[in-house]
Amino acid sequence: MNSIGQLWHPIWLLWWTVIGVPIHAVLKAILGFLSGNALAESIGPFGIAIVLLTILIKLVISPIFQYQLTTSRRVQAEQRRIAPQLAAIRKKYKKDPQRLNQETMALYKEHNINPLAQMSGCLPALIQSPILIALFYVIRDAHQTLPIHDFKFLGISLDHTALQAGQFVPLAVLLPLLAGLTTFVQTKMMTPPGGMASQDATQAAMTQNMTLILPVFIGFISLQFAAALALYWVVSNLFSIGQQYFITGWGSLSPPRLGRGKAA
């Protein structure tokens, strides 16, 4: 156990130095800037600081996210291009699963396609995990380390969980719900229109499971931790949805187009 602790401590120290300390410093600076502002005090300076911090973090990591989106879009376009060949392989070897898998993988290899590319929708969550963990510790110790006396934001106690005693539950549960909903929207946007039609059964199942399970998981996690983390996740998702729309469009979300009736 001691050897594991000795190995983990330098990693923890590096993570906290690179991510935790800057998050704490920026949050403290924003709170100092908002101090004494009547409008900020009426809304909730801690919540405003979380929103501004989230936007700043998203701006810093947006090149990574944009690269991932661009790469994913290229792979998805390639998958649509080989869809007829893939359909022919499935029809020819539908009674021979082993040969079907071999021929499918050979086709993917020929066109330099990663069969797990559709799972790239998890990447934003993975990238932000170290940030969320650091933010958790900053919020946990905020009473002692940050110049803040009130953690309320639009009536929500950001240092409490959504269901914790002293929390205004009817309003606070909106944040976990929005965290799950915005995650669902973002994940759907990762998949192009008709994208699952070009996948084999295994890929389609993986995509479908990710689309449904990830939002539920995020919503559940948001209920278990301080509401400030859910606020961070909602703002982060909204930023990513906007960025994603301008790069890949709505994907398979396909909202209804208004104002376009039938031609006469």
C-alpha atoms as a PDB file:
ATOM      1  CA  MET A   1       0.000   0.000   0.000  1.00  0.00           C
ATOM      2  CA  ASN A   2       2.844   2.379   0.850  1.00  0.00           C
ATOM      3  CA  SER A   3       4.483   1.760  -2.526  1.00  0.00           C
ATOM      4  CA  ILE A   4       1.201   2.537  -4.309  1.00  0.00           C
ATOM      5  CA  GLY A   5       0.876   5.739  -2.303  1.00  0.00           C
ATOM      6  CA  GLN A   6       4.445   6.717  -3.150  1.00  0.00           C
ATOM      7  CA  LEU A   7       3.757   6.187  -6.847  1.00  0.00           C
ATOM      8  CA  TRP A   8       0.423   8.032  -6.773  1.00  0.00           C
ATOM      9  CA  HIS A   9       1.555  11.097  -4.789  1.00  0.00           C
ATOM     10  CA  PRO A  10       3.775  12.620  -7.546  1.00  0.00           C
ATOM     11  CA  ILE A  11       0.955  12.099 -10.075  1.00  0.00           C
ATOM     12  CA  TRP A  12      -1.554  13.735  -7.743  1.00  0.00           C
ATOM     13  CA  LEU A  13       0.832  16.624  -7.063  1.00  0.00           C
ATOM     14  CA  LEU A  14       1.431  17.197 -10.785  1.00  0.00           C
ATOM     15  CA  TRP A  15      -2.313  17.090 -11.512  1.00  0.00           C
ATOM     16  CA  TRP A  16      -3.118  19.532  -8.718  1.00  0.00           C
ATOM     17  CA  THR A  17      -0.298  21.896  -9.723  1.00  0.00           C
ATOM     18  CA  VAL A  18      -1.264  21.903 -13.413  1.00  0.00           C
ATOM     19  CA  ILE A  19      -5.063  21.923 -13.040  1.00  0.00           C
ATOM     20  CA  GLY A  20      -6.182  22.474  -9.444  1.00  0.00           C
ATOM     21  CA  VAL A  21      -4.035  25.472  -8.529  1.00  0.00           C
ATOM     22  CA  PRO A  22      -4.889  27.481 -11.694  1.00  0.00           C
ATOM     23  CA  ILE A  23      -8.634  26.747 -11.280  1.00  0.00           C
ATOM     24  CA  HIS A  24      -8.519  27.937  -7.671  1.00  0.00           C
ATOM     25  CA  ALA A  25      -6.509  31.052  -8.600  1.00  0.00           C
ATOM     26  CA  VAL A  26      -8.801  32.022 -11.494  1.00  0.00           C
ATOM     27  CA  LEU A  27     -11.958  31.418  -9.453  1.00  0.00           C
ATOM     28  CA  LYS A  28     -10.550  33.522  -6.608  1.00  0.00           C
ATOM     29  CA  ALA A  29      -9.637  36.325  -9.017  1.00  0.00           C
ATOM     30  CA  ILE A  30     -13.110  36.343 -10.606  1.00  0.00           C
ATOM     31  CA  LEU A  31     -14.785  36.427  -7.177  1.00  0.00           C
ATOM     32  CA  GLY A  32     -12.541  39.339  -6.202  1.00  0.00           C
ATOM     33  CA  PHE A  33     -13.536  41.182  -9.366  1.00  0.00           C
ATOM     34  CA  LEU A  34     -17.248  40.601  -8.685  1.00  0.00           C
ATOM     35  CA  SER A  35     -17.007  41.598  -5.030  1.00  0.00           C
ATOM     36  CA  GLY A  36     -19.195  44.595  -4.230  1.00  0.00           C
ATOM     37  CA  ASN A  37     -21.068  44.456  -7.560  1.00  0.00           C
ATOM     38  CA  ALA A  38     -24.767  44.873  -6.703  1.00  0.00           C
ATOM     39  CA  LEU A  39     -26.008  42.941  -9.768  1.00  0.00           C
ATOM     40  CA  ALA A  40     -23.606  40.059  -9.164  1.00  0.00           C
ATOM     41  CA  GLU A  41     -24.579  39.935  -5.488  1.00  0.00           C
ATOM     42  CA  SER A  42     -28.271  39.719  -6.392  1.00  0.00           C
ATOM     43  CA  ILE A  43     -27.719  36.853  -8.872  1.00  0.00           C
ATOM     44  CA  GLY A  44     -25.007  35.023  -6.974  1.00  0.00           C
ATOM     45  CA  PRO A  45     -21.297  35.847  -7.472  1.00  0.00           C
ATOM     46  CA  PHE A  46     -20.144  32.248  -6.990  1.00  0.00           C
ATOM     47  CA  GLY A  47     -22.435  30.997  -9.767  1.00  0.00           C
ATOM     48  CA  ILE A  48     -21.354  33.805 -12.088  1.00  0.00           C
ATOM     49  CA  ALA A  49     -17.725  32.952 -11.315  1.00  0.00           C
ATOM     50  CA  ILE A  50     -18.361  29.278 -12.167  1.00  0.00           C
ATOM     51  CA  VAL A  51     -19.965  30.278 -15.494  1.00  0.00           C
ATOM     52  CA  LEU A  52     -17.067  32.598 -16.415  1.00  0.00           C
ATOM     53  CA  LEU A  53     -14.510  29.988 -15.335  1.00  0.00           C
ATOM     54  CA  THR A  54     -16.251  27.362 -17.471  1.00  0.00           C
ATOM     55  CA  ILE A  55     -16.189  29.595 -20.554  1.00  0.00           C
ATOM     56  CA  LEU A  56     -12.496  30.291 -19.992  1.00  0.00           C
ATOM     57  CA  ILE A  57     -11.709  26.572 -19.641  1.00  0.00           C
ATOM     58  CA  LYS A  58     -13.687  25.779 -22.806  1.00  0.00           C
ATOM     59  CA  LEU A  59     -11.786  28.441 -24.741  1.00  0.00           C
ATOM     60  CA  VAL A  60      -8.494  26.890 -23.615  1.00  0.00           C
ATOM     61  CA  ILE A  61      -9.420  23.304 -24.596  1.00  0.00           C
ATOM     62  CA  SER A  62     -11.525  24.218 -27.662  1.00  0.00           C
ATOM     63  CA  PRO A  63      -8.678  23.480 -30.162  1.00  0.00           C
ATOM     64  CA  ILE A  64      -8.581  19.871 -28.888  1.00  0.00           C
ATOM     65  CA  PHE A  65     -12.338  19.554 -29.133  1.00  0.00           C
ATOM     66  CA  GLN A  66     -12.372  21.110 -32.616  1.00  0.00           C
ATOM     67  CA  TYR A  67      -9.669  18.703 -33.829  1.00  0.00           C
ATOM     68  CA  GLN A  68     -11.671  15.762 -32.461  1.00  0.00           C
ATOM     69  CA  LEU A  69     -14.842  16.981 -34.185  1.00  0.00           C
ATOM     70  CA  THR A  70     -13.090  17.535 -37.505  1.00  0.00           C
ATOM     71  CA  THR A  71     -11.469  14.085 -37.375  1.00  0.00           C
ATOM     72  CA  SER A  72     -14.753  12.435 -36.397  1.00  0.00           C
ATOM     73  CA  ARG A  73     -16.551  14.175 -39.259  1.00  0.00           C
ATOM     74  CA  ARG A  74     -13.956  12.947 -41.757  1.00  0.00           C
ATOM     75  CA  VAL A  75     -14.266   9.348 -40.537  1.00  0.00           C
ATOM     76  CA  GLN A  76     -18.067   9.508 -40.627  1.00  0.00           C
ATOM     77  CA  ALA A  77     -17.989  10.808 -44.208  1.00  0.00           C
ATOM     78  CA  GLU A  78     -15.711   7.909 -45.170  1.00  0.00           C
ATOM     79  CA  GLN A  79     -18.094   5.445 -43.511  1.00  0.00           C
ATOM     80  CA  ARG A  80     -21.020   6.824 -45.513  1.00  0.00           C
ATOM     81  CA  ARG A  81     -18.957   6.501 -48.697  1.00  0.00           C
ATOM     82  CA  ILE A  82     -18.315   2.780 -48.154  1.00  0.00           C
ATOM     83  CA  ALA A  83     -21.871   2.072 -46.937  1.00  0.00           C
ATOM     84  CA  PRO A  84     -22.888   0.285 -50.202  1.00  0.00           C
ATOM     85  CA  GLN A  85     -19.835  -1.996 -50.010  1.00  0.00           C
ATOM     86  CA  LEU A  86     -20.543  -2.667 -46.357  1.00  0.00           C
ATOM     87  CA  ALA A  87     -24.163  -3.548 -47.127  1.00  0.00           C
ATOM     88  CA  ALA A  88     -23.013  -5.964 -49.841  1.00  0.00           C
ATOM     89  CA  ILE A  89     -20.616  -7.681 -47.428  1.00  0.00           C
ATOM     90  CA  ARG A  90     -23.351  -8.041 -44.818  1.00  0.00           C
ATOM     91  CA  LYS A  91     -25.695  -9.587 -47.373  1.00  0.00           C
ATOM     92  CA  LYS A  92     -23.065 -11.954 -48.756  1.00  0.00           C
ATOM     93  CA  TYR A  93     -21.820 -13.260 -45.401  1.00  0.00           C
ATOM     94  CA  LYS A  94     -24.921 -12.889 -43.230  1.00  0.00           C
ATOM     95  CA  LYS A  95     -24.810 -16.624 -42.397  1.00  0.00           C
ATOM     96  CA  ASP A  96     -21.093 -16.587 -41.584  1.00  0.00           C
ATOM     97  CA  PRO A  97     -20.486 -14.112 -38.701  1.00  0.00           C
ATOM     98  CA  GLN A  98     -16.767 -14.836 -38.506  1.00  0.00           C
ATOM     99  CA  ARG A  99     -16.179 -14.197 -42.212  1.00  0.00           C
ATOM    100  CA  LEU A 100     -18.471 -11.140 -42.043  1.00  0.00           C
ATOM    101  CA  ASN A 101     -16.339  -9.667 -39.284  1.00  0.00           C
ATOM    102  CA  GLN A 102     -13.113 -10.406 -41.157  1.00  0.00           C
ATOM    103  CA  GLU A 103     -14.341  -8.832 -44.411  1.00  0.00           C
ATOM    104  CA  THR A 104     -15.749  -5.807 -42.570  1.00  0.00           C
ATOM    105  CA  MET A 105     -12.474  -5.183 -40.764  1.00  0.00           C
ATOM    106  CA  ALA A 106     -10.568  -5.621 -44.028  1.00  0.00           C
ATOM    107  CA  LEU A 107     -12.771  -2.980 -45.655  1.00  0.00           C
ATOM    108  CA  TYR A 108     -12.208  -0.616 -42.739  1.00  0.00           C
ATOM    109  CA  LYS A 109      -8.458  -1.194 -42.947  1.00  0.00           C
ATOM    110  CA  GLU A 110      -8.455  -0.542 -46.700  1.00  0.00           C
ATOM    111  CA  HIS A 111     -10.069   2.847 -46.153  1.00  0.00           C
ATOM    112  CA  ASN A 112      -8.176   3.685 -42.928  1.00  0.00           C
ATOM    113  CA  ILE A 113     -11.351   3.745 -40.813  1.00  0.00           C
ATOM    114  CA  ASN A 114     -11.278   3.224 -37.068  1.00  0.00           C
ATOM    115  CA  PRO A 115     -14.341   1.070 -36.227  1.00  0.00           C
ATOM    116  CA  LEU A 116     -14.468   2.652 -32.757  1.00  0.00           C
ATOM    117  CA  ALA A 117     -14.574   6.191 -34.128  1.00  0.00           C
ATOM    118  CA  GLN A 118     -18.237   6.592 -33.180  1.00  0.00           C
ATOM    119  CA  MET A 119     -17.224   6.267 -29.529  1.00  0.00           C
ATOM    120  CA  SER A 120     -15.428   9.603 -29.847  1.00  0.00           C
ATOM    121  CA  GLY A 121     -18.507  11.213 -28.323  1.00  0.00           C
ATOM    122  CA  CYS A 122     -17.071  10.195 -24.948  1.00  0.00           C
ATOM    123  CA  LEU A 123     -13.918  12.246 -25.536  1.00  0.00           C
ATOM    124  CA  PRO A 124     -15.264  15.567 -24.191  1.00  0.00           C
ATOM    125  CA  ALA A 125     -16.275  13.832 -20.959  1.00  0.00           C
ATOM    126  CA  LEU A 126     -12.851  12.169 -20.629  1.00  0.00           C
ATOM    127  CA  ILE A 127     -10.961  15.404 -21.262  1.00  0.00           C
ATOM    128  CA  GLN A 128     -12.968  17.247 -18.644  1.00  0.00           C
ATOM    129  CA  SER A 129     -12.736  14.565 -15.951  1.00  0.00           C
ATOM    130  CA  PRO A 130      -9.495  15.925 -14.375  1.00  0.00           C
ATOM    131  CA  ILE A 131     -11.014  19.431 -14.440  1.00  0.00           C
ATOM    132  CA  LEU A 132     -14.213  18.256 -12.747  1.00  0.00           C
ATOM    133  CA  ILE A 133     -12.248  16.455 -10.026  1.00  0.00           C
ATOM    134  CA  ALA A 134     -10.141  19.572  -9.370  1.00  0.00           C
ATOM    135  CA  LEU A 135     -13.273  21.720  -9.279  1.00  0.00           C
ATOM    136  CA  PHE A 136     -14.798  19.294  -6.767  1.00  0.00           C
ATOM    137  CA  TYR A 137     -11.895  19.832  -4.364  1.00  0.00           C
ATOM    138  CA  VAL A 138     -11.947  23.610  -4.886  1.00  0.00           C
ATOM    139  CA  ILE A 139     -15.676  23.728  -4.061  1.00  0.00           C
ATOM    140  CA  ARG A 140     -15.249  21.389  -1.085  1.00  0.00           C
ATOM    141  CA  ASP A 141     -12.708  23.727   0.511  1.00  0.00           C
ATOM    142  CA  ALA A 142     -14.251  26.983  -0.769  1.00  0.00           C
ATOM    143  CA  HIS A 143     -15.514  28.043   2.664  1.00  0.00           C
ATOM    144  CA  GLN A 144     -11.913  28.235   3.892  1.00  0.00           C
ATOM    145  CA  THR A 145     -10.002  29.189   0.747  1.00  0.00           C
ATOM    146  CA  LEU A 146     -12.228  31.527  -1.304  1.00  0.00           C
ATOM    147  CA  PRO A 147     -13.515  35.028  -0.489  1.00  0.00           C
ATOM    148  CA  ILE A 148     -17.185  34.029  -0.589  1.00  0.00           C
ATOM    149  CA  HIS A 149     -19.880  34.110   2.100  1.00  0.00           C
ATOM    150  CA  ASP A 150     -22.902  33.025   0.064  1.00  0.00           C
ATOM    151  CA  PHE A 151     -22.990  30.104  -2.371  1.00  0.00           C
ATOM    152  CA  LYS A 152     -26.497  30.847  -3.662  1.00  0.00           C
ATOM    153  CA  PHE A 153     -27.017  31.261  -7.418  1.00  0.00           C
ATOM    154  CA  LEU A 154     -30.538  32.069  -8.600  1.00  0.00           C
ATOM    155  CA  GLY A 155     -31.838  30.418  -5.426  1.00  0.00           C
ATOM    156  CA  ILE A 156     -29.671  27.275  -5.740  1.00  0.00           C
ATOM    157  CA  SER A 157     -27.058  26.475  -3.078  1.00  0.00           C
ATOM    158  CA  LEU A 158     -24.084  25.554  -5.239  1.00  0.00           C
ATOM    159  CA  ASP A 159     -22.164  23.977  -2.363  1.00  0.00           C
ATOM    160  CA  HIS A 160     -25.018  21.496  -1.717  1.00  0.00           C
ATOM    161  CA  THR A 161     -26.203  18.539  -3.763  1.00  0.00           C
ATOM    162  CA  ALA A 162     -29.580  18.839  -5.483  1.00  0.00           C
ATOM    163  CA  LEU A 163     -31.319  16.685  -2.867  1.00  0.00           C
ATOM    164  CA  GLN A 164     -29.390  17.797   0.219  1.00  0.00           C
ATOM    165  CA  ALA A 165     -31.125  19.303   3.268  1.00  0.00           C
ATOM    166  CA  GLY A 166     -31.263  23.091   3.004  1.00  0.00           C
ATOM    167  CA  GLN A 167     -31.407  22.981  -0.801  1.00  0.00           C
ATOM    168  CA  PHE A 168     -34.353  24.336  -2.796  1.00  0.00           C
ATOM    169  CA  VAL A 169     -34.932  20.962  -4.443  1.00  0.00           C
ATOM    170  CA  PRO A 170     -37.560  21.889  -7.128  1.00  0.00           C
ATOM    171  CA  LEU A 171     -35.121  24.399  -8.632  1.00  0.00           C
ATOM    172  CA  ALA A 172     -31.877  22.567  -7.894  1.00  0.00           C
ATOM    173  CA  VAL A 173     -32.896  19.358  -9.730  1.00  0.00           C
ATOM    174  CA  LEU A 174     -33.090  21.370 -12.946  1.00  0.00           C
ATOM    175  CA  LEU A 175     -29.298  21.432 -13.155  1.00  0.00           C
ATOM    176  CA  PRO A 176     -28.846  17.624 -13.184  1.00  0.00           C
ATOM    177  CA  LEU A 177     -31.731  17.348 -15.666  1.00  0.00           C
ATOM    178  CA  LEU A 178     -30.131  19.963 -17.915  1.00  0.00           C
ATOM    179  CA  ALA A 179     -26.746  18.245 -17.542  1.00  0.00           C
ATOM    180  CA  GLY A 180     -28.248  14.986 -18.815  1.00  0.00           C
ATOM    181  CA  LEU A 181     -30.304  16.667 -21.551  1.00  0.00           C
ATOM    182  CA  THR A 182     -27.424  18.733 -22.948  1.00  0.00           C
ATOM    183  CA  THR A 183     -25.199  15.630 -22.879  1.00  0.00           C
ATOM    184  CA  PHE A 184     -27.843  13.770 -24.907  1.00  0.00           C
ATOM    185  CA  VAL A 185     -28.053  16.629 -27.435  1.00  0.00           C
ATOM    186  CA  GLN A 186     -24.280  16.802 -27.784  1.00  0.00           C
ATOM    187  CA  THR A 187     -23.964  13.028 -28.206  1.00  0.00           C
ATOM    188  CA  LYS A 188     -26.693  12.948 -30.870  1.00  0.00           C
ATOM    189  CA  MET A 189     -24.929  15.748 -32.718  1.00  0.00           C
ATOM    190  CA  MET A 190     -21.800  13.574 -32.819  1.00  0.00           C
ATOM    191  CA  THR A 191     -23.628  11.110 -35.087  1.00  0.00           C
ATOM    192  CA  PRO A 192     -24.351  12.272 -38.657  1.00  0.00           C
ATOM    193  CA  PRO A 193     -27.852  11.887 -40.167  1.00  0.00           C
ATOM    194  CA  GLY A 194     -28.294   8.236 -41.065  1.00  0.00           C
ATOM    195  CA  GLY A 195     -24.894   7.503 -39.546  1.00  0.00           C
ATOM    196  CA  MET A 196     -26.034   4.326 -37.811  1.00  0.00           C
ATOM    197  CA  ALA A 197     -27.274   2.897 -41.111  1.00  0.00           C
ATOM    198  CA  SER A 198     -23.673   2.646 -42.310  1.00  0.00           C
ATOM    199  CA  GLN A 199     -22.600   0.722 -39.199  1.00  0.00           C
ATOM    200  CA  ASP A 200     -22.682  -2.981 -38.501  1.00  0.00           C
ATOM    201  CA  ALA A 201     -24.898  -4.301 -35.712  1.00  0.00           C
ATOM    202  CA  THR A 202     -22.146  -4.117 -33.072  1.00  0.00           C
ATOM    203  CA  GLN A 203     -21.210  -0.520 -33.886  1.00  0.00           C
ATOM    204  CA  ALA A 204     -24.850   0.549 -34.058  1.00  0.00           C
ATOM    205  CA  ALA A 205     -25.491  -1.008 -30.638  1.00  0.00           C
ATOM    206  CA  MET A 206     -22.440   0.745 -29.174  1.00  0.00           C
ATOM    207  CA  THR A 207     -23.542   4.091 -30.598  1.00  0.00           C
ATOM    208  CA  GLN A 208     -27.098   3.640 -29.371  1.00  0.00           C
ATOM    209  CA  ASN A 209     -25.938   2.609 -25.891  1.00  0.00           C
ATOM    210  CA  MET A 210     -23.568   5.555 -25.621  1.00  0.00           C
ATOM    211  CA  THR A 211     -26.299   7.958 -26.710  1.00  0.00           C
ATOM    212  CA  LEU A 212     -28.682   6.714 -24.009  1.00  0.00           C
ATOM    213  CA  ILE A 213     -26.417   5.648 -21.150  1.00  0.00           C
ATOM    214  CA  LEU A 214     -23.996   8.598 -21.034  1.00  0.00           C
ATOM    215  CA  PRO A 215     -26.687  11.282 -20.436  1.00  0.00           C
ATOM    216  CA  VAL A 216     -28.315   9.171 -17.711  1.00  0.00           C
ATOM    217  CA  PHE A 217     -24.930   8.620 -16.069  1.00  0.00           C
ATOM    218  CA  ILE A 218     -24.083  12.342 -16.185  1.00  0.00           C
ATOM    219  CA  GLY A 219     -27.496  13.247 -14.749  1.00  0.00           C
ATOM    220  CA  PHE A 220     -27.094  10.715 -11.950  1.00  0.00           C
ATOM    221  CA  ILE A 221     -23.576  11.895 -11.093  1.00  0.00           C
ATOM    222  CA  SER A 222     -24.800  15.506 -11.071  1.00  0.00           C
ATOM    223  CA  LEU A 223     -27.320  14.575  -8.393  1.00  0.00           C
ATOM    224  CA  GLN A 224     -24.602  13.144  -6.152  1.00  0.00           C
ATOM    225  CA  PHE A 225     -22.214  16.104  -6.068  1.00  0.00           C
ATOM    226  CA  ALA A 226     -22.391  19.824  -5.346  1.00  0.00           C
ATOM    227  CA  ALA A 227     -24.684  21.736  -7.702  1.00  0.00           C
ATOM    228  CA  ALA A 228     -21.709  23.847  -8.827  1.00  0.00           C
ATOM    229  CA  LEU A 229     -20.377  20.827 -10.737  1.00  0.00           C
ATOM    230  CA  ALA A 230     -23.709  20.407 -12.528  1.00  0.00           C
ATOM    231  CA  LEU A 231     -23.665  24.127 -13.395  1.00  0.00           C
ATOM    232  CA  TYR A 232     -20.164  23.715 -14.826  1.00  0.00           C
ATOM    233  CA  TRP A 233     -21.292  20.736 -16.903  1.00  0.00           C
ATOM    234  CA  VAL A 234     -24.384  22.487 -18.281  1.00  0.00           C
ATOM    235  CA  VAL A 235     -22.463  25.614 -19.322  1.00  0.00           C
ATOM    236  CA  SER A 236     -19.666  23.475 -20.759  1.00  0.00           C
ATOM    237  CA  ASN A 237     -22.140  21.431 -22.817  1.00  0.00           C
ATOM    238  CA  LEU A 238     -23.924  24.524 -24.107  1.00  0.00           C
ATOM    239  CA  PHE A 239     -20.573  25.958 -25.238  1.00  0.00           C
ATOM    240  CA  SER A 240     -19.662  22.675 -26.942  1.00  0.00           C
ATOM    241  CA  ILE A 241     -23.072  22.384 -28.633  1.00  0.00           C
ATOM    242  CA  GLY A 242     -22.595  25.845 -30.155  1.00  0.00           C
ATOM    243  CA  GLN A 243     -19.056  25.014 -31.277  1.00  0.00           C
ATOM    244  CA  GLN A 244     -20.154  21.662 -32.655  1.00  0.00           C
ATOM    245  CA  TYR A 245     -23.067  23.162 -34.597  1.00  0.00           C
ATOM    246  CA  PHE A 246     -20.741  25.437 -36.564  1.00  0.00           C
ATOM    247  CA  ILE A 247     -18.396  22.522 -37.387  1.00  0.00           C
ATOM    248  CA  THR A 248     -20.673  19.524 -37.999  1.00  0.00           C
ATOM    249  CA  GLY A 249     -24.232  20.893 -37.828  1.00  0.00           C
ATOM    250  CA  TRP A 250     -27.030  19.155 -35.930  1.00  0.00           C
ATOM    251  CA  GLY A 251     -25.875  15.644 -36.809  1.00  0.00           C
ATOM    252  CA  SER A 252     -28.583  13.036 -36.202  1.00  0.00           C
ATOM    253  CA  LEU A 253     -30.496  15.373 -33.881  1.00  0.00           C
ATOM    254  CA  SER A 254     -32.287  16.824 -36.935  1.00  0.00           C
ATOM    255  CA  PRO A 255     -34.521  19.515 -35.378  1.00  0.00           C
ATOM    256  CA  PRO A 256     -37.649  20.347 -37.414  1.00  0.00           C
ATOM    257  CA  ARG A 257     -37.197  23.030 -40.045  1.00  0.00           C
ATOM    258  CA  LEU A 258     -39.714  25.790 -39.568  1.00  0.00           C
ATOM    259  CA  GLY A 259     -41.139  28.011 -42.238  1.00  0.00           C
ATOM    260  CA  ARG A 260     -40.605  25.584 -45.094  1.00  0.00           C
ATOM    261  CA  GLY A 261     -43.965  24.362 -46.262  1.00  0.00           C
ATOM    262  CA  LYS A 262     -44.772  22.201 -49.208  1.00  0.00           C
ATOM    263  CA  ALA A 263     -44.286  23.661 -52.593  1.00  0.00           C
ATOM    264  CA  ALA A 264     -47.445  24.651 -54.346  1.00  0.00           C
END
